[in-house]
PDB file of N, CA and C in Angstrom:
ATOM      1  N   VAL A   1      56.039 104.335 106.316  1.00  0.00           N
ATOM      2  CA  VAL A   1      56.330 105.123 107.092  1.00  0.00           C
ATOM      3  C   VAL A   1      56.990 104.003 108.281  1.00  0.00           C
ATOM      4  N   ASP A   2      58.094 104.249 108.400  1.00  0.00           N
ATOM      5  CA  ASP A   2      58.688 103.617 109.422  1.00  0.00           C
ATOM      6  C   ASP A   2      58.664 101.876 108.921  1.00  0.00           C
ATOM      7  N   ALA A   3      59.230 101.507 107.838  1.00  0.00           N
ATOM      8  CA  ALA A   3      58.908 100.157 107.242  1.00  0.00           C
ATOM      9  C   ALA A   3      57.480  99.062 107.780  1.00  0.00           C
ATOM     10  N   GLN A   4      55.863 100.364 107.752  1.00  0.00           N
ATOM     11  CA  GLN A   4      55.000  99.827 107.876  1.00  0.00           C
ATOM     12  C   GLN A   4      54.240 100.443 106.999  1.00  0.00           C
ATOM     13  N   PRO A   5      53.403  99.965 106.249  1.00  0.00           N
ATOM     14  CA  PRO A   5      52.275 100.564 105.252  1.00  0.00           C
ATOM     15  C   PRO A   5      51.300 101.319 106.514  1.00  0.00           C
ATOM     16  N   PRO A   6      51.214 102.490 106.006  1.00  0.00           N
ATOM     17  CA  PRO A   6      49.910 103.254 106.810  1.00  0.00           C
ATOM     18  C   PRO A   6      48.916 102.955 106.319  1.00  0.00           C
ATOM     19  N   GLY A   7      47.553 103.125 106.807  1.00  0.00           N
ATOM     20  CA  GLY A   7      46.250 103.038 105.729  1.00  0.00           C
ATOM     21  C   GLY A   7      46.223 104.609 105.795  1.00  0.00           C
ATOM     22  N   ALA A   8      45.701 104.950 104.168  1.00  0.00           N
ATOM     23  CA  ALA A   8      45.439 105.953 103.794  1.00  0.00           C
ATOM     24  C   ALA A   8      44.158 107.091 104.605  1.00  0.00           C
ATOM     25  N   ALA A   9      44.782 108.384 105.032  1.00  0.00           N
ATOM     26  CA  ALA A   9      43.778 108.704 105.314  1.00  0.00           C
ATOM     27  C   ALA A   9      43.776 110.344 104.878  1.00  0.00           C
ATOM     28  N   HIS A  10      43.509 110.343 103.369  1.00  0.00           N
ATOM     29  CA  HIS A  10      43.114 111.561 102.838  1.00  0.00           C
ATOM     30  C   HIS A  10      42.258 112.628 103.056  1.00  0.00           C
ATOM     31  N   ALA A  11      42.320 114.357 103.808  1.00  0.00           N
ATOM     32  CA  ALA A  11      41.079 114.507 104.536  1.00  0.00           C
ATOM     33  C   ALA A  11      40.766 115.231 103.367  1.00  0.00           C
ATOM     34  N   PRO A  12      39.003 114.411 103.036  1.00  0.00           N
ATOM     35  CA  PRO A  12      38.400 114.519 103.994  1.00  0.00           C
ATOM     36  C   PRO A  12      38.385 112.703 104.014  1.00  0.00           C
ATOM     37  N   THR A  13      38.491 111.990 105.315  1.00  0.00           N
ATOM     38  CA  THR A  13      38.232 110.332 105.521  1.00  0.00           C
ATOM     39  C   THR A  13      37.967 110.736 106.831  1.00  0.00           C
ATOM     40  N   ASP A  14      37.085 109.372 107.196  1.00  0.00           N
ATOM     41  CA  ASP A  14      35.735 108.782 107.862  1.00  0.00           C
ATOM     42  C   ASP A  14      35.949 107.291 108.742  1.00  0.00           C
ATOM     43  N   LEU A  15      36.413 107.345 109.144  1.00  0.00           N
ATOM     44  CA  LEU A  15      36.812 105.223 109.952  1.00  0.00           C
ATOM     45  C   LEU A  15      36.203 105.051 110.417  1.00  0.00           C
ATOM     46  N   VAL A  16      34.673 104.548 110.912  1.00  0.00           N
ATOM     47  CA  VAL A  16      33.846 104.329 111.890  1.00  0.00           C
ATOM     48  C   VAL A  16      33.839 103.010 112.387  1.00  0.00           C
ATOM     49  N   LEU A  17      34.488 102.387 113.521  1.00  0.00           N
ATOM     50  CA  LEU A  17      34.699 101.553 114.035  1.00  0.00           C
ATOM     51  C   LEU A  17      33.267 101.275 115.266  1.00  0.00           C
ATOM     52  N   ALA A  18      32.825  99.910 115.316  1.00  0.00           N
ATOM     53  CA  ALA A  18      31.864  99.316 116.628  1.00  0.00           C
ATOM     54  C   ALA A  18      32.494  99.279 117.649  1.00  0.00           C
ATOM     55  N   LEU A  19      31.800  99.790 118.788  1.00  0.00           N
ATOM     56  CA  LEU A  19      32.688  99.336 120.034  1.00  0.00           C
ATOM     57  C   LEU A  19      32.155  98.203 120.451  1.00  0.00           C
ATOM     58  N   SER A  20      32.883  97.151 120.989  1.00  0.00           N
ATOM     59  CA  SER A  20      32.652  96.355 122.257  1.00  0.00           C
ATOM     60  C   SER A  20      32.460  96.488 123.316  1.00  0.00           C
ATOM     61  N   PRO A  21      31.509  95.654 124.213  1.00  0.00           N
ATOM     62  CA  PRO A  21      31.132  95.618 125.609  1.00  0.00           C
ATOM     63  C   PRO A  21      32.665  95.772 126.141  1.00  0.00           C
ATOM     64  N   GLY A  22      32.928  96.805 127.450  1.00  0.00           N
ATOM     65  CA  GLY A  22      33.995  96.312 127.833  1.00  0.00           C
ATOM     66  C   GLY A  22      34.933  97.176 127.711  1.00  0.00           C
ATOM     67  N   THR A  23      35.291  97.703 126.709  1.00  0.00           N
ATOM     68  CA  THR A  23      36.315  98.605 125.514  1.00  0.00           C
ATOM     69  C   THR A  23      36.376  99.878 126.650  1.00  0.00           C
ATOM     70  N   SER A  24      37.506 100.160 126.896  1.00  0.00           N
ATOM     71  CA  SER A  24      38.027 101.959 128.029  1.00  0.00           C
ATOM     72  C   SER A  24      39.002 102.956 127.019  1.00  0.00           C
ATOM     73  N   VAL A  25      39.967 101.884 126.152  1.00  0.00           N
ATOM     74  CA  VAL A  25      40.567 102.926 125.542  1.00  0.00           C
ATOM     75  C   VAL A  25      40.889 102.703 124.384  1.00  0.00           C
ATOM     76  N   LEU A  26      40.976 103.736 122.894  1.00  0.00           N
ATOM     77  CA  LEU A  26      41.610 103.587 121.926  1.00  0.00           C
ATOM     78  C   LEU A  26      43.084 104.061 121.732  1.00  0.00           C
ATOM     79  N   THR A  27      44.314 103.423 121.219  1.00  0.00           N
ATOM     80  CA  THR A  27      45.478 103.914 120.562  1.00  0.00           C
ATOM     81  C   THR A  27      45.410 104.077 119.561  1.00  0.00           C
ATOM     82  N   MET A  28      46.301 104.855 119.037  1.00  0.00           N
ATOM     83  CA  MET A  28      46.575 105.445 117.718  1.00  0.00           C
ATOM     84  C   MET A  28      47.644 105.663 117.242  1.00  0.00           C
ATOM     85  N   GLU A  29      47.873 105.738 116.029  1.00  0.00           N
ATOM     86  CA  GLU A  29      49.272 106.873 115.430  1.00  0.00           C
ATOM     87  C   GLU A  29      48.561 106.909 114.027  1.00  0.00           C
ATOM     88  N   PHE A  30      49.276 108.444 113.907  1.00  0.00           N
ATOM     89  CA  PHE A  30      48.729 108.381 113.360  1.00  0.00           C
ATOM     90  C   PHE A  30      50.115 109.816 112.776  1.00  0.00           C
ATOM     91  N   GLY A  31      49.866 110.846 111.325  1.00  0.00           N
ATOM     92  CA  GLY A  31      51.154 111.119 110.970  1.00  0.00           C
ATOM     93  C   GLY A  31      50.400 111.918 109.465  1.00  0.00           C
ATOM     94  N   ILE A  32      51.220 112.931 108.225  1.00  0.00           N
ATOM     95  CA  ILE A  32      51.203 113.078 107.487  1.00  0.00           C
ATOM     96  C   ILE A  32      52.668 113.006 106.659  1.00  0.00           C
ATOM     97  N   LEU A  33      52.663 111.953 105.746  1.00  0.00           N
ATOM     98  CA  LEU A  33      53.941 111.655 104.255  1.00  0.00           C
ATOM     99  C   LEU A  33      54.830 112.866 104.010  1.00  0.00           C
ATOM    100  N   PRO A  34      56.226 112.732 104.170  1.00  0.00           N
ATOM    101  CA  PRO A  34      56.907 113.649 103.891  1.00  0.00           C
ATOM    102  C   PRO A  34      56.394 114.547 102.672  1.00  0.00           C
ATOM    103  N   GLY A  35      55.665 113.792 101.919  1.00  0.00           N
ATOM    104  CA  GLY A  35      55.542 114.628 100.562  1.00  0.00           C
ATOM    105  C   GLY A  35      54.511 115.377 100.596  1.00  0.00           C
ATOM    106  N   ALA A  36      53.784 115.723 101.375  1.00  0.00           N
ATOM    107  CA  ALA A  36      52.666 116.782 101.864  1.00  0.00           C
ATOM    108  C   ALA A  36      53.108 117.979 102.362  1.00  0.00           C
ATOM    109  N   TRP A  37      54.507 117.855 103.190  1.00  0.00           N
ATOM    110  CA  TRP A  37      55.309 119.250 103.288  1.00  0.00           C
ATOM    111  C   TRP A  37      56.132 119.810 102.709  1.00  0.00           C
ATOM    112  N   GLN A  38      56.925 118.805 102.134  1.00  0.00           N
ATOM    113  CA  GLN A  38      57.879 118.937 101.326  1.00  0.00           C
ATOM    114  C   GLN A  38      57.412 119.828  99.630  1.00  0.00           C
ATOM    115  N   ALA A  39      56.378 119.863  99.516  1.00  0.00           N
ATOM    116  CA  ALA A  39      55.531 119.977  97.951  1.00  0.00           C
ATOM    117  C   ALA A  39      55.617 121.296  97.767  1.00  0.00           C
ATOM    118  N   GLU A  40      56.487 121.746  96.508  1.00  0.00           N
ATOM    119  CA  GLU A  40      55.620 122.747  96.073  1.00  0.00           C
ATOM    120  C   GLU A  40      54.463 123.197  96.879  1.00  0.00           C
ATOM    121  N   ARG A  41      53.669 123.559  96.619  1.00  0.00           N
ATOM    122  CA  ARG A  41      52.453 123.438  97.375  1.00  0.00           C
ATOM    123  C   ARG A  41      52.087 122.878  98.423  1.00  0.00           C
ATOM    124  N   PRO A  42      52.593 122.939  99.811  1.00  0.00           N
ATOM    125  CA  PRO A  42      52.497 122.359 100.735  1.00  0.00           C
ATOM    126  C   PRO A  42      50.801 122.346 101.549  1.00  0.00           C
ATOM    127  N   THR A  43      50.514 121.216 102.427  1.00  0.00           N
ATOM    128  CA  THR A  43      49.633 121.173 103.383  1.00  0.00           C
ATOM    129  C   THR A  43      49.673 121.978 103.929  1.00  0.00           C
ATOM    130  N   ASP A  44      48.278 122.271 104.336  1.00  0.00           N
ATOM    131  CA  ASP A  44      48.913 123.335 105.639  1.00  0.00           C
ATOM    132  C   ASP A  44      48.210 122.733 106.329  1.00  0.00           C
ATOM    133  N   GLY A  45      47.897 121.449 106.747  1.00  0.00           N
ATOM    134  CA  GLY A  45      47.777 120.591 107.889  1.00  0.00           C
ATOM    135  C   GLY A  45      46.211 119.843 107.557  1.00  0.00           C
ATOM    136  N   VAL A  46      46.399 119.021 108.230  1.00  0.00           N
ATOM    137  CA  VAL A  46      44.802 118.087 108.929  1.00  0.00           C
ATOM    138  C   VAL A  46      44.585 118.399 110.460  1.00  0.00           C
ATOM    139  N   GLU A  47      43.072 118.283 110.795  1.00  0.00           N
ATOM    140  CA  GLU A  47      42.971 117.797 112.208  1.00  0.00           C
ATOM    141  C   GLU A  47      42.412 116.312 112.066  1.00  0.00           C
ATOM    142  N   ILE A  48      42.844 115.972 113.252  1.00  0.00           N
ATOM    143  CA  ILE A  48      42.446 114.766 113.565  1.00  0.00           C
ATOM    144  C   ILE A  48      41.844 114.570 114.932  1.00  0.00           C
ATOM    145  N   ARG A  49      40.137 113.685 114.383  1.00  0.00           N
ATOM    146  CA  ARG A  49      39.905 113.918 115.496  1.00  0.00           C
ATOM    147  C   ARG A  49      39.072 112.483 115.354  1.00  0.00           C
ATOM    148  N   VAL A  50      38.327 112.497 116.901  1.00  0.00           N
ATOM    149  CA  VAL A  50      38.190 110.982 117.145  1.00  0.00           C
ATOM    150  C   VAL A  50      36.504 111.906 117.943  1.00  0.00           C
ATOM    151  N   GLU A  51      35.390 111.325 117.630  1.00  0.00           N
ATOM    152  CA  GLU A  51      34.060 111.469 118.257  1.00  0.00           C
ATOM    153  C   GLU A  51      33.795 109.686 118.497  1.00  0.00           C
ATOM    154  N   PHE A  52      32.988 110.101 120.258  1.00  0.00           N
ATOM    155  CA  PHE A  52      32.442 109.239 119.700  1.00  0.00           C
ATOM    156  C   PHE A  52      31.004 109.040 119.804  1.00  0.00           C
ATOM    157  N   VAL A  53      30.019 107.950 119.031  1.00  0.00           N
ATOM    158  CA  VAL A  53      28.574 107.889 118.281  1.00  0.00           C
ATOM    159  C   VAL A  53      27.741 107.375 119.396  1.00  0.00           C
ATOM    160  N   PRO A  54      26.989 107.271 120.520  1.00  0.00           N
ATOM    161  CA  PRO A  54      26.859 106.829 120.870  1.00  0.00           C
ATOM    162  C   PRO A  54      25.530 106.357 120.458  1.00  0.00           C
ATOM    163  N   THR A  55      24.903 105.073 121.514  1.00  0.00           N
ATOM    164  CA  THR A  55      23.936 104.259 120.131  1.00  0.00           C
ATOM    165  C   THR A  55      22.146 105.001 120.736  1.00  0.00           C
ATOM    166  N   GLU A  56      22.239 105.661 122.045  1.00  0.00           N
ATOM    167  CA  GLU A  56      21.574 106.932 122.749  1.00  0.00           C
ATOM    168  C   GLU A  56      21.848 107.906 122.816  1.00  0.00           C
ATOM    169  N   GLY A  57      22.016 109.465 122.696  1.00  0.00           N
ATOM    170  CA  GLY A  57      22.693 110.475 122.697  1.00  0.00           C
ATOM    171  C   GLY A  57      22.842 111.749 121.737  1.00  0.00           C
ATOM    172  N   SER A  58      24.186 111.933 122.207  1.00  0.00           N
ATOM    173  CA  SER A  58      24.527 112.987 121.362  1.00  0.00           C
ATOM    174  C   SER A  58      26.170 112.873 120.909  1.00  0.00           C
ATOM    175  N   ARG A  59      26.575 112.968 119.897  1.00  0.00           N
ATOM    176  CA  ARG A  59      28.092 112.582 119.322  1.00  0.00           C
ATOM    177  C   ARG A  59      28.874 113.512 120.692  1.00  0.00           C
ATOM    178  N   GLN A  60      30.020 112.865 120.862  1.00  0.00           N
ATOM    179  CA  GLN A  60      31.144 113.976 121.969  1.00  0.00           C
ATOM    180  C   GLN A  60      32.250 114.061 120.905  1.00  0.00           C
ATOM    181  N   VAL A  61      33.142 114.513 121.047  1.00  0.00           N
ATOM    182  CA  VAL A  61      34.577 114.731 120.530  1.00  0.00           C
ATOM    183  C   VAL A  61      35.480 114.268 122.153  1.00  0.00           C
ATOM    184  N   LEU A  62      36.048 113.225 121.727  1.00  0.00           N
ATOM    185  CA  LEU A  62      37.190 112.751 122.372  1.00  0.00           C
ATOM    186  C   LEU A  62      38.514 113.373 122.339  1.00  0.00           C
ATOM    187  N   PHE A  63      39.175 113.483 121.031  1.00  0.00           N
ATOM    188  CA  PHE A  63      40.282 113.709 120.598  1.00  0.00           C
ATOM    189  C   PHE A  63      40.265 114.631 119.249  1.00  0.00           C
ATOM    190  N   SER A  64      40.809 115.822 119.645  1.00  0.00           N
ATOM    191  CA  SER A  64      40.674 116.840 118.100  1.00  0.00           C
ATOM    192  C   SER A  64      42.503 117.503 118.435  1.00  0.00           C
ATOM    193  N   ARG A  65      43.473 117.010 117.253  1.00  0.00           N
ATOM    194  CA  ARG A  65      44.291 117.771 116.826  1.00  0.00           C
ATOM    195  C   ARG A  65      44.877 118.072 115.529  1.00  0.00           C
ATOM    196  N   LEU A  66      45.260 119.016 115.482  1.00  0.00           N
ATOM    197  CA  LEU A  66      45.620 119.664 114.614  1.00  0.00           C
ATOM    198  C   LEU A  66      47.186 119.753 114.286  1.00  0.00           C
ATOM    199  N   VAL A  67      47.616 119.224 112.924  1.00  0.00           N
ATOM    200  CA  VAL A  67      48.757 118.277 112.985  1.00  0.00           C
ATOM    201  C   VAL A  67      48.986 119.136 111.484  1.00  0.00           C
ATOM    202  N   GLN A  68      50.486 120.172 111.845  1.00  0.00           N
ATOM    203  CA  GLN A  68      50.807 121.023 110.393  1.00  0.00           C
ATOM    204  C   GLN A  68      52.249 120.950 111.012  1.00  0.00           C
ATOM    205  N   PRO A  69      52.800 120.001 109.333  1.00  0.00           N
ATOM    206  CA  PRO A  69      54.222 119.682 109.600  1.00  0.00           C
ATOM    207  C   PRO A  69      54.957 121.345 109.317  1.00  0.00           C
ATOM    208  N   VAL A  70      54.974 121.797 108.052  1.00  0.00           N
ATOM    209  CA  VAL A  70      55.208 122.600 107.216  1.00  0.00           C
ATOM    210  C   VAL A  70      55.585 124.128 108.859  1.00  0.00           C
ATOM    211  N   GLU A  71      54.386 124.361 109.875  1.00  0.00           N
ATOM    212  CA  GLU A  71      54.458 125.095 110.679  1.00  0.00           C
ATOM    213  C   GLU A  71      55.096 125.057 112.024  1.00  0.00           C
ATOM    214  N   GLN A  72      54.792 123.134 112.193  1.00  0.00           N
ATOM    215  CA  GLN A  72      55.518 122.465 113.168  1.00  0.00           C
ATOM    216  C   GLN A  72      56.361 121.747 112.726  1.00  0.00           C
ATOM    217  N   PRO A  73      57.740 121.416 113.130  1.00  0.00           N
ATOM    218  CA  PRO A  73      58.499 120.632 112.233  1.00  0.00           C
ATOM    219  C   PRO A  73      58.177 119.210 113.571  1.00  0.00           C
ATOM    220  N   SER A  74      58.430 119.535 114.596  1.00  0.00           N
ATOM    221  CA  SER A  74      57.726 118.691 115.418  1.00  0.00           C
ATOM    222  C   SER A  74      56.463 117.413 114.408  1.00  0.00           C
ATOM    223  N   ASP A  75      55.511 117.966 113.979  1.00  0.00           N
ATOM    224  CA  ASP A  75      54.564 117.278 113.490  1.00  0.00           C
ATOM    225  C   ASP A  75      54.702 116.559 112.258  1.00  0.00           C
ATOM    226  N   ARG A  76      56.167 116.697 111.162  1.00  0.00           N
ATOM    227  CA  ARG A  76      56.776 115.916 110.814  1.00  0.00           C
ATOM    228  C   ARG A  76      57.013 114.205 110.781  1.00  0.00           C
ATOM    229  N   ASN A  77      57.054 114.358 112.219  1.00  0.00           N
ATOM    230  CA  ASN A  77      57.133 112.581 112.897  1.00  0.00           C
ATOM    231  C   ASN A  77      56.129 112.123 113.503  1.00  0.00           C
ATOM    232  N   LEU A  78      56.017 110.617 113.319  1.00  0.00           N
ATOM    233  CA  LEU A  78      54.854 109.926 113.979  1.00  0.00           C
ATOM    234  C   LEU A  78      54.357 110.386 115.239  1.00  0.00           C
ATOM    235  N   GLN A  79      52.892 110.589 115.356  1.00  0.00           N
ATOM    236  CA  GLN A  79      52.268 110.972 116.231  1.00  0.00           C
ATOM    237  C   GLN A  79      51.155 109.917 116.960  1.00  0.00           C
ATOM    238  N   ARG A  80      51.546 109.890 118.248  1.00  0.00           N
ATOM    239  CA  ARG A  80      50.488 109.008 118.903  1.00  0.00           C
ATOM    240  C   ARG A  80      49.295 109.363 119.856  1.00  0.00           C
ATOM    241  N   ALA A  81      48.263 108.796 120.011  1.00  0.00           N
ATOM    242  CA  ALA A  81      47.641 109.084 120.999  1.00  0.00           C
ATOM    243  C   ALA A  81      47.091 108.017 121.439  1.00  0.00           C
ATOM    244  N   THR A  82      46.745 107.941 123.030  1.00  0.00           N
ATOM    245  CA  THR A  82      45.638 107.476 123.750  1.00  0.00           C
ATOM    246  C   THR A  82      44.485 108.023 123.984  1.00  0.00           C
ATOM    247  N   ILE A  83      43.296 107.425 123.760  1.00  0.00           N
ATOM    248  CA  ILE A  83      42.100 108.170 124.525  1.00  0.00           C
ATOM    249  C   ILE A  83      41.718 107.199 125.314  1.00  0.00           C
ATOM    250  N   LEU A  84      40.864 107.747 126.508  1.00  0.00           N
ATOM    251  CA  LEU A  84      40.114 106.971 127.587  1.00  0.00           C
ATOM    252  C   LEU A  84      38.929 107.299 126.624  1.00  0.00           C
ATOM    253  N   LEU A  85      37.930 105.835 126.923  1.00  0.00           N
ATOM    254  CA  LEU A  85      36.368 105.742 126.670  1.00  0.00           C
ATOM    255  C   LEU A  85      35.699 106.103 127.376  1.00  0.00           C
ATOM    256  N   PRO A  86      34.083 106.796 127.193  1.00  0.00           N
ATOM    257  CA  PRO A  86      33.412 106.692 128.529  1.00  0.00           C
ATOM    258  C   PRO A  86      33.701 105.618 128.551  1.00  0.00           C
ATOM    259  N   ALA A  87      32.561 105.900 130.069  1.00  0.00           N
ATOM    260  CA  ALA A  87      32.538 104.191 130.710  1.00  0.00           C
ATOM    261  C   ALA A  87      31.538 103.921 130.213  1.00  0.00           C
ATOM    262  N   ASN A  88      31.724 102.271 130.173  1.00  0.00           N
ATOM    263  CA  ASN A  88      30.535 101.290 129.840  1.00  0.00           C
ATOM    264  C   ASN A  88      29.798 102.235 128.263  1.00  0.00           C
ATOM    265  N   ALA A  89      30.705 102.483 127.327  1.00  0.00           N
ATOM    266  CA  ALA A  89      30.239 103.248 126.196  1.00  0.00           C
ATOM    267  C   ALA A  89      29.862 101.946 125.160  1.00  0.00           C
ATOM    268  N   THR A  90      28.407 102.180 124.563  1.00  0.00           N
ATOM    269  CA  THR A  90      27.834 101.450 123.873  1.00  0.00           C
ATOM    270  C   THR A  90      27.745 102.498 122.524  1.00  0.00           C
ATOM    271  N   GLY A  91      28.200 101.974 121.494  1.00  0.00           N
ATOM    272  CA  GLY A  91      27.626 102.793 120.401  1.00  0.00           C
ATOM    273  C   GLY A  91      29.009 102.842 119.372  1.00  0.00           C
ATOM    274  N   LYS A  92      29.354 103.829 118.375  1.00  0.00           N
ATOM    275  CA  LYS A  92      30.856 103.467 117.980  1.00  0.00           C
ATOM    276  C   LYS A  92      31.959 104.768 117.286  1.00  0.00           C
ATOM    277  N   LEU A  93      33.501 104.799 117.077  1.00  0.00           N
ATOM    278  CA  LEU A  93      34.148 105.450 117.115  1.00  0.00           C
ATOM    279  C   LEU A  93      33.890 105.761 115.652  1.00  0.00           C
ATOM    280  N   ARG A  94      34.407 107.399 115.608  1.00  0.00           N
ATOM    281  CA  ARG A  94      34.053 108.054 114.236  1.00  0.00           C
ATOM    282  C   ARG A  94      35.818 108.769 114.099  1.00  0.00           C
ATOM    283  N   LEU A  95      36.566 108.097 113.594  1.00  0.00           N
ATOM    284  CA  LEU A  95      37.681 108.851 113.066  1.00  0.00           C
ATOM    285  C   LEU A  95      37.853 109.116 112.212  1.00  0.00           C
ATOM    286  N   ARG A  96      38.400 110.715 112.628  1.00  0.00           N
ATOM    287  CA  ARG A  96      38.089 111.307 111.049  1.00  0.00           C
ATOM    288  C   ARG A  96      39.537 112.026 110.873  1.00  0.00           C
ATOM    289  N   THR A  97      40.022 112.501 109.793  1.00  0.00           N
ATOM    290  CA  THR A  97      40.547 113.417 109.437  1.00  0.00           C
ATOM    291  C   THR A  97      39.773 114.623 108.349  1.00  0.00           C
ATOM    292  N   LEU A  98      40.534 115.456 108.330  1.00  0.00           N
ATOM    293  CA  LEU A  98      39.783 116.847 108.243  1.00  0.00           C
ATOM    294  C   LEU A  98      40.595 117.852 107.807  1.00  0.00           C
ATOM    295  N   PRO A  99      40.134 118.794 106.343  1.00  0.00           N
ATOM    296  CA  PRO A  99      41.298 119.634 106.189  1.00  0.00           C
ATOM    297  C   PRO A  99      41.466 120.200 107.386  1.00  0.00           C
ATOM    298  N   GLY A 100      42.470 121.242 107.176  1.00  0.00           N
ATOM    299  CA  GLY A 100      43.105 122.106 108.098  1.00  0.00           C
ATOM    300  C   GLY A 100      42.683 123.462 107.849  1.00  0.00           C
ATOM    301  N   PRO A 101      43.222 124.087 108.600  1.00  0.00           N
ATOM    302  CA  PRO A 101      42.497 125.367 109.303  1.00  0.00           C
ATOM    303  C   PRO A 101      42.311 126.578 107.460  1.00  0.00           C
ATOM    304  N   ALA A 102      42.967 126.599 106.630  1.00  0.00           N
ATOM    305  CA  ALA A 102      42.445 126.939 105.144  1.00  0.00           C
ATOM    306  C   ALA A 102      41.476 126.618 104.438  1.00  0.00           C
ATOM    307  N   ALA A 103      40.738 124.991 105.005  1.00  0.00           N
ATOM    308  CA  ALA A 103      39.841 124.258 104.506  1.00  0.00           C
ATOM    309  C   ALA A 103      40.567 123.554 103.065  1.00  0.00           C
ATOM    310  N   SER A 104      41.885 123.245 103.010  1.00  0.00           N
ATOM    311  CA  SER A 104      42.290 122.966 101.831  1.00  0.00           C
ATOM    312  C   SER A 104      42.523 121.673 101.857  1.00  0.00           C
ATOM    313  N   ILE A 105      42.444 120.776 100.935  1.00  0.00           N
ATOM    314  CA  ILE A 105      42.672 119.392 100.776  1.00  0.00           C
ATOM    315  C   ILE A 105      44.112 119.227 100.067  1.00  0.00           C
ATOM    316  N   ALA A 106      44.588 120.098  99.270  1.00  0.00           N
ATOM    317  CA  ALA A 106      45.692 120.142  98.592  1.00  0.00           C
ATOM    318  C   ALA A 106      46.817 118.994 100.082  1.00  0.00           C
ATOM    319  N   CYS A 107      47.397 118.093  98.992  1.00  0.00           N
ATOM    320  CA  CYS A 107      48.647 117.826  99.533  1.00  0.00           C
ATOM    321  C   CYS A 107      48.184 117.371 101.218  1.00  0.00           C
ATOM    322  N   ALA A 108      46.894 116.730 101.701  1.00  0.00           N
ATOM    323  CA  ALA A 108      46.181 116.443 102.833  1.00  0.00           C
ATOM    324  C   ALA A 108      46.303 114.737 102.780  1.00  0.00           C
ATOM    325  N   TRP A 109      48.046 114.720 102.469  1.00  0.00           N
ATOM    326  CA  TRP A 109      48.210 113.250 102.723  1.00  0.00           C
ATOM    327  C   TRP A 109      48.974 112.876 103.859  1.00  0.00           C
ATOM    328  N   ALA A 110      47.066 112.711 104.722  1.00  0.00           N
ATOM    329  CA  ALA A 110      47.481 111.572 106.102  1.00  0.00           C
ATOM    330  C   ALA A 110      46.976 110.245 105.748  1.00  0.00           C
ATOM    331  N   TYR A 111      47.725 109.823 107.334  1.00  0.00           N
ATOM    332  CA  TYR A 111      47.421 108.486 107.569  1.00  0.00           C
ATOM    333  C   TYR A 111      46.910 108.150 109.064  1.00  0.00           C
ATOM    334  N   TRP A 112      46.551 107.089 109.211  1.00  0.00           N
ATOM    335  CA  TRP A 112      46.099 105.911 110.572  1.00  0.00           C
ATOM    336  C   TRP A 112      47.765 105.074 110.332  1.00  0.00           C
ATOM    337  N   ARG A 113      47.744 104.665 111.749  1.00  0.00           N
ATOM    338  CA  ARG A 113      48.313 103.588 111.803  1.00  0.00           C
ATOM    339  C   ARG A 113      48.471 102.889 113.363  1.00  0.00           C
ATOM    340  N   LYS A 114      48.013 101.536 113.908  1.00  0.00           N
ATOM    341  CA  LYS A 114      48.103 100.788 114.361  1.00  0.00           C
ATOM    342  C   LYS A 114      46.915 100.908 115.463  1.00  0.00           C
ATOM    343  N   VAL A 115      46.153 101.081 114.779  1.00  0.00           N
ATOM    344  CA  VAL A 115      43.903 101.489 115.747  1.00  0.00           C
ATOM    345  C   VAL A 115      43.836 100.508 116.038  1.00  0.00           C
ATOM    346  N   ALA A 116      43.808 100.903 117.761  1.00  0.00           N
ATOM    347  CA  ALA A 116      43.752  99.636 118.449  1.00  0.00           C
ATOM    348  C   ALA A 116      42.162 100.106 119.425  1.00  0.00           C
ATOM    349  N   ILE A 117      41.569  99.097 119.566  1.00  0.00           N
ATOM    350  CA  ILE A 117      40.133  99.739 120.757  1.00  0.00           C
ATOM    351  C   ILE A 117      40.579  98.340 121.479  1.00  0.00           C
ATOM    352  N   ARG A 118      40.857  98.495 122.682  1.00  0.00           N
ATOM    353  CA  ARG A 118      40.877  97.365 123.557  1.00  0.00           C
ATOM    354  C   ARG A 118      39.849  98.100 124.727  1.00  0.00           C
TER     355      ARG A 118
END
């Protein structure tokens, strides 16, 4: 993807990251590989979701984005997100790739790239 190797995140995938004290923002790039939407039976899309799992308390969805490159040609491009984290957050972040609206994992060839917590 743009001459850089992506991290495969075929739906369903969870990536759990520990939060360090003082972190306040997550930045990431994500998308779906071209073969997924160019296939004979293409993907119905994926949901990219970021959840905050605090040390104490309930899980919180910080970001959710449905990526549907067949229906939305702009979703064929690399997507970027900047997500503000809860103040003084302690716990973990769960980056999730979930199946699209039809709950199909066929051709759900998503990826993440340049994930950074600062």
